[in-house]
C-alpha atoms as a PDB file:
ATOM      1  CA  UNK A   1     113.746  89.795  32.247  1.00  0.00           C
ATOM      2  CA  UNK A   2     114.600  86.214  33.196  1.00  0.00           C
ATOM      3  CA  UNK A   3     118.182  85.021  32.833  1.00  0.00           C
ATOM      4  CA  UNK A   4     117.130  82.787  29.937  1.00  0.00           C
ATOM      5  CA  UNK A   5     115.878  85.790  27.923  1.00  0.00           C
ATOM      6  CA  UNK A   6     119.017  87.928  28.375  1.00  0.00           C
ATOM      7  CA  UNK A   7     120.598  88.678  24.975  1.00  0.00           C
ATOM      8  CA  UNK A   8     123.945  87.136  24.077  1.00  0.00           C
ATOM      9  CA  UNK A   9     126.245  87.053  21.073  1.00  0.00           C
ATOM     10  CA  UNK A  10     127.870  83.930  19.674  1.00  0.00           C
ATOM     11  CA  UNK A  11     130.589  83.492  17.067  1.00  0.00           C
ATOM     12  CA  UNK A  12     130.831  80.363  14.954  1.00  0.00           C
ATOM     13  CA  UNK A  13     133.846  78.356  13.767  1.00  0.00           C
ATOM     14  CA  UNK A  14     134.682  78.951  10.104  1.00  0.00           C
ATOM     15  CA  UNK A  15     135.252  75.222   9.568  1.00  0.00           C
ATOM     16  CA  UNK A  16     132.543  73.313  11.432  1.00  0.00           C
ATOM     17  CA  UNK A  17     130.051  76.055  12.335  1.00  0.00           C
ATOM     18  CA  UNK A  18     130.266  75.223  16.035  1.00  0.00           C
ATOM     19  CA  UNK A  19     130.150  77.939  18.680  1.00  0.00           C
ATOM     20  CA  UNK A  20     133.577  79.366  19.564  1.00  0.00           C
ATOM     21  CA  UNK A  21     132.539  82.422  21.600  1.00  0.00           C
ATOM     22  CA  UNK A  22     129.555  83.435  23.701  1.00  0.00           C
ATOM     23  CA  UNK A  23     129.165  86.792  25.404  1.00  0.00           C
ATOM     24  CA  UNK A  24     126.242  88.054  27.465  1.00  0.00           C
ATOM     25  CA  UNK A  25     124.769  91.459  26.580  1.00  0.00           C
ATOM     26  CA  UNK A  26     123.135  92.662  29.789  1.00  0.00           C
ATOM     27  CA  UNK A  27     123.255  95.775  31.952  1.00  0.00           C
ATOM     28  CA  UNK A  28     126.225  94.483  33.974  1.00  0.00           C
ATOM     29  CA  UNK A  29     128.592  93.943  31.045  1.00  0.00           C
ATOM     30  CA  UNK A  30     131.191  96.465  29.871  1.00  0.00           C
ATOM     31  CA  UNK A  31     129.676  97.508  26.511  1.00  0.00           C
ATOM     32  CA  UNK A  32     133.052  98.615  25.146  1.00  0.00           C
ATOM     33  CA  UNK A  33     134.641  95.244  25.896  1.00  0.00           C
ATOM     34  CA  UNK A  34     131.643  93.423  24.427  1.00  0.00           C
ATOM     35  CA  UNK A  35     131.874  95.488  21.234  1.00  0.00           C
ATOM     36  CA  UNK A  36     135.613  94.744  20.986  1.00  0.00           C
ATOM     37  CA  UNK A  37     135.026  90.991  21.404  1.00  0.00           C
ATOM     38  CA  UNK A  38     132.296  90.927  18.760  1.00  0.00           C
ATOM     39  CA  UNK A  39     134.354  93.096  16.384  1.00  0.00           C
ATOM     40  CA  UNK A  40     137.378  90.822  16.823  1.00  0.00           C
ATOM     41  CA  UNK A  41     135.280  87.765  15.946  1.00  0.00           C
ATOM     42  CA  UNK A  42     133.991  89.509  12.812  1.00  0.00           C
ATOM     43  CA  UNK A  43     137.505  90.690  11.837  1.00  0.00           C
ATOM     44  CA  UNK A  44     138.732  87.117  12.231  1.00  0.00           C
ATOM     45  CA  UNK A  45     136.115  85.997   9.706  1.00  0.00           C
ATOM     46  CA  UNK A  46     133.632  84.331  12.049  1.00  0.00           C
ATOM     47  CA  UNK A  47     129.893  84.687  11.662  1.00  0.00           C
ATOM     48  CA  UNK A  48     128.289  86.358  14.672  1.00  0.00           C
ATOM     49  CA  UNK A  49     124.686  85.933  15.803  1.00  0.00           C
ATOM     50  CA  UNK A  50     122.599  87.508  18.529  1.00  0.00           C
ATOM     51  CA  UNK A  51     120.744  84.879  20.553  1.00  0.00           C
ATOM     52  CA  UNK A  52     119.610  84.521  24.176  1.00  0.00           C
ATOM     53  CA  UNK A  53     121.357  83.017  27.184  1.00  0.00           C
ATOM     54  CA  UNK A  54     118.700  80.298  27.147  1.00  0.00           C
ATOM     55  CA  UNK A  55     119.539  79.466  23.527  1.00  0.00           C
ATOM     56  CA  UNK A  56     123.250  79.148  24.364  1.00  0.00           C
ATOM     57  CA  UNK A  57     122.489  76.901  27.326  1.00  0.00           C
ATOM     58  CA  UNK A  58     120.199  74.719  25.223  1.00  0.00           C
ATOM     59  CA  UNK A  59     122.943  74.326  22.584  1.00  0.00           C
ATOM     60  CA  UNK A  60     125.710  73.286  24.990  1.00  0.00           C
ATOM     61  CA  UNK A  61     126.681  70.406  22.678  1.00  0.00           C
ATOM     62  CA  UNK A  62     127.168  72.742  19.697  1.00  0.00           C
ATOM     63  CA  UNK A  63     130.595  74.089  20.700  1.00  0.00           C
ATOM     64  CA  UNK A  64     133.383  73.734  18.126  1.00  0.00           C
ATOM     65  CA  UNK A  65     135.544  70.671  18.557  1.00  0.00           C
ATOM     66  CA  UNK A  66     138.000  71.337  15.723  1.00  0.00           C
ATOM     67  CA  UNK A  67     139.510  74.707  16.710  1.00  0.00           C
ATOM     68  CA  UNK A  68     138.639  78.060  15.161  1.00  0.00           C
ATOM     69  CA  UNK A  69     141.572  78.034  12.714  1.00  0.00           C
ATOM     70  CA  UNK A  70     141.304  74.343  11.908  1.00  0.00           C
ATOM     71  CA  UNK A  71     141.463  72.678   8.552  1.00  0.00           C
ATOM     72  CA  UNK A  72     139.915  69.333   7.692  1.00  0.00           C
ATOM     73  CA  UNK A  73     143.168  67.595   8.763  1.00  0.00           C
ATOM     74  CA  UNK A  74     143.373  69.138  12.242  1.00  0.00           C
ATOM     75  CA  UNK A  75     142.426  66.912  15.162  1.00  0.00           C
ATOM     76  CA  UNK A  76     143.083  69.208  18.125  1.00  0.00           C
ATOM     77  CA  UNK A  77     140.010  70.020  20.247  1.00  0.00           C
ATOM     78  CA  UNK A  78     138.780  73.597  20.232  1.00  0.00           C
ATOM     79  CA  UNK A  79     139.590  76.167  22.870  1.00  0.00           C
ATOM     80  CA  UNK A  80     136.334  78.154  22.948  1.00  0.00           C
ATOM     81  CA  UNK A  81     136.037  81.591  24.500  1.00  0.00           C
ATOM     82  CA  UNK A  82     133.329  82.159  27.062  1.00  0.00           C
ATOM     83  CA  UNK A  83     132.979  85.839  27.846  1.00  0.00           C
ATOM     84  CA  UNK A  84     130.911  87.188  30.746  1.00  0.00           C
ATOM     85  CA  UNK A  85     128.450  84.338  30.462  1.00  0.00           C
ATOM     86  CA  UNK A  86     126.032  83.857  33.347  1.00  0.00           C
END
């Protein structure tokens, strides 16, 4: 499987819908840690999607810029999480 076709998970900001987390799901990743990261995103109220590494790379401009706990009045840039991303 090419690197571009490797599965990955993303979580989206509750405010703007931008990506706040991306984690690769390949044979080299710790499955327990990946499950914890995805579960934490869901617990925190973020939508989670399964995509490919290629999709994440092609959407590099779609990262959240408002912060994952932002309101419409917040102006601080986001601090996205990038987990085990190749």
